[in-house]
C-alpha atoms as a PDB file:
ATOM      1  CA  MET A   1       9.069 -30.078  -6.601  1.00  0.00           C
ATOM      2  CA  SER A   2       5.434 -29.685  -5.968  1.00  0.00           C
ATOM      3  CA  LYS A   3       6.058 -29.284  -2.205  1.00  0.00           C
ATOM      4  CA  LEU A   4       8.428 -26.425  -3.078  1.00  0.00           C
ATOM      5  CA  ILE A   5       5.780 -24.714  -5.175  1.00  0.00           C
ATOM      6  CA  ILE A   6       3.176 -25.018  -2.516  1.00  0.00           C
ATOM      7  CA  PHE A   7       5.557 -23.744   0.080  1.00  0.00           C
ATOM      8  CA  LEU A   8       6.479 -20.726  -2.025  1.00  0.00           C
ATOM      9  CA  VAL A   9       2.755 -19.964  -2.742  1.00  0.00           C
ATOM     10  CA  LEU A  10       1.943 -20.077   1.089  1.00  0.00           C
ATOM     11  CA  ILE A  11       4.873 -17.710   1.851  1.00  0.00           C
ATOM     12  CA  LEU A  12       3.721 -15.188  -0.672  1.00  0.00           C
ATOM     13  CA  ASN A  13       0.076 -15.553   0.431  1.00  0.00           C
ATOM     14  CA  PHE A  14       0.876 -14.855   3.994  1.00  0.00           C
ATOM     15  CA  SER A  15       3.602 -12.246   3.549  1.00  0.00           C
ATOM     16  CA  GLY A  16       2.201 -10.445   0.594  1.00  0.00           C
ATOM     17  CA  CYS A  17       4.148  -9.127  -2.291  1.00  0.00           C
ATOM     18  CA  GLY A  18       3.891  -5.449  -1.218  1.00  0.00           C
ATOM     19  CA  VAL A  19       2.353  -4.274  -4.527  1.00  0.00           C
ATOM     20  CA  GLY A  20      -0.422  -2.346  -2.709  1.00  0.00           C
ATOM     21  CA  SER A  21       2.198  -0.655  -0.598  1.00  0.00           C
ATOM     22  CA  ILE A  22       4.284   0.312  -3.630  1.00  0.00           C
ATOM     23  CA  VAL A  23       1.388   1.664  -5.636  1.00  0.00           C
ATOM     24  CA  ALA A  24       0.085   3.641  -2.499  1.00  0.00           C
ATOM     25  CA  LEU A  25       3.551   5.125  -1.786  1.00  0.00           C
ATOM     26  CA  PRO A  26       3.363   8.152  -4.225  1.00  0.00           C
ATOM     27  CA  VAL A  27       0.051   9.056  -2.830  1.00  0.00           C
ATOM     28  CA  ARG A  28       1.438   8.913   0.697  1.00  0.00           C
ATOM     29  CA  VAL A  29       4.379  10.999  -0.220  1.00  0.00           C
ATOM     30  CA  THR A  30       2.187  13.530  -1.911  1.00  0.00           C
ATOM     31  CA  ALA A  31       0.000  13.754   1.262  1.00  0.00           C
ATOM     32  CA  ASP A  32       3.043  14.453   3.293  1.00  0.00           C
ATOM     33  CA  VAL A  33       4.153  17.192   1.079  1.00  0.00           C
ATOM     34  CA  VAL A  34       0.768  18.686   0.839  1.00  0.00           C
ATOM     35  CA  ASP A  35       0.634  18.563   4.774  1.00  0.00           C
ATOM     36  CA  ILE A  36       3.348  21.206   4.791  1.00  0.00           C
ATOM     37  CA  VAL A  37       1.493  23.626   2.604  1.00  0.00           C
ATOM     38  CA  VAL A  38      -2.290  23.325   3.242  1.00  0.00           C
ATOM     39  CA  PRO A  39      -4.517  22.315   6.236  1.00  0.00           C
ATOM     40  CA  GLU A  40      -4.350  19.061   7.690  1.00  0.00           C
ATOM     41  CA  THR A  41      -7.726  17.829   6.574  1.00  0.00           C
ATOM     42  CA  VAL A  42      -6.642  17.902   2.997  1.00  0.00           C
ATOM     43  CA  SER A  43      -3.546  15.844   3.522  1.00  0.00           C
ATOM     44  CA  GLU A  44      -5.618  13.450   5.648  1.00  0.00           C
ATOM     45  CA  THR A  45      -8.014  12.949   2.716  1.00  0.00           C
ATOM     46  CA  ILE A  46      -5.115  12.165   0.415  1.00  0.00           C
ATOM     47  CA  HIS A  47      -3.562   9.882   2.914  1.00  0.00           C
ATOM     48  CA  ASN A  48      -6.984   8.053   3.251  1.00  0.00           C
ATOM     49  CA  VAL A  49      -6.911   7.590  -0.557  1.00  0.00           C
ATOM     50  CA  GLY A  50      -3.495   5.902  -0.160  1.00  0.00           C
ATOM     51  CA  ASP A  51      -4.786   3.684   2.497  1.00  0.00           C
ATOM     52  CA  THR A  52      -7.751   2.736   0.357  1.00  0.00           C
ATOM     53  CA  ILE A  53      -5.508   1.876  -2.514  1.00  0.00           C
ATOM     54  CA  GLU A  54      -3.437  -0.433  -0.352  1.00  0.00           C
ATOM     55  CA  GLY A  55      -6.583  -2.086   0.989  1.00  0.00           C
ATOM     56  CA  VAL A  56      -8.121  -2.689  -2.544  1.00  0.00           C
ATOM     57  CA  ILE A  57      -4.997  -4.311  -3.876  1.00  0.00           C
ATOM     58  CA  PRO A  58      -5.036  -7.697  -2.171  1.00  0.00           C
ATOM     59  CA  PHE A  59      -1.371  -8.655  -2.738  1.00  0.00           C
END
């Protein structure tokens, strides 16, 4: 049983749970929508915020 728990922890550690990607998704969608309306620099800034959110959340 302990080997199974260690195996599952290792799998989650290396694959990640995707929480950072899920949290950053609304920001990235907003950046894509803003890109249609305003200049590209504004949407790039919003997209960079999404990248930062994904990078800060370690799992």
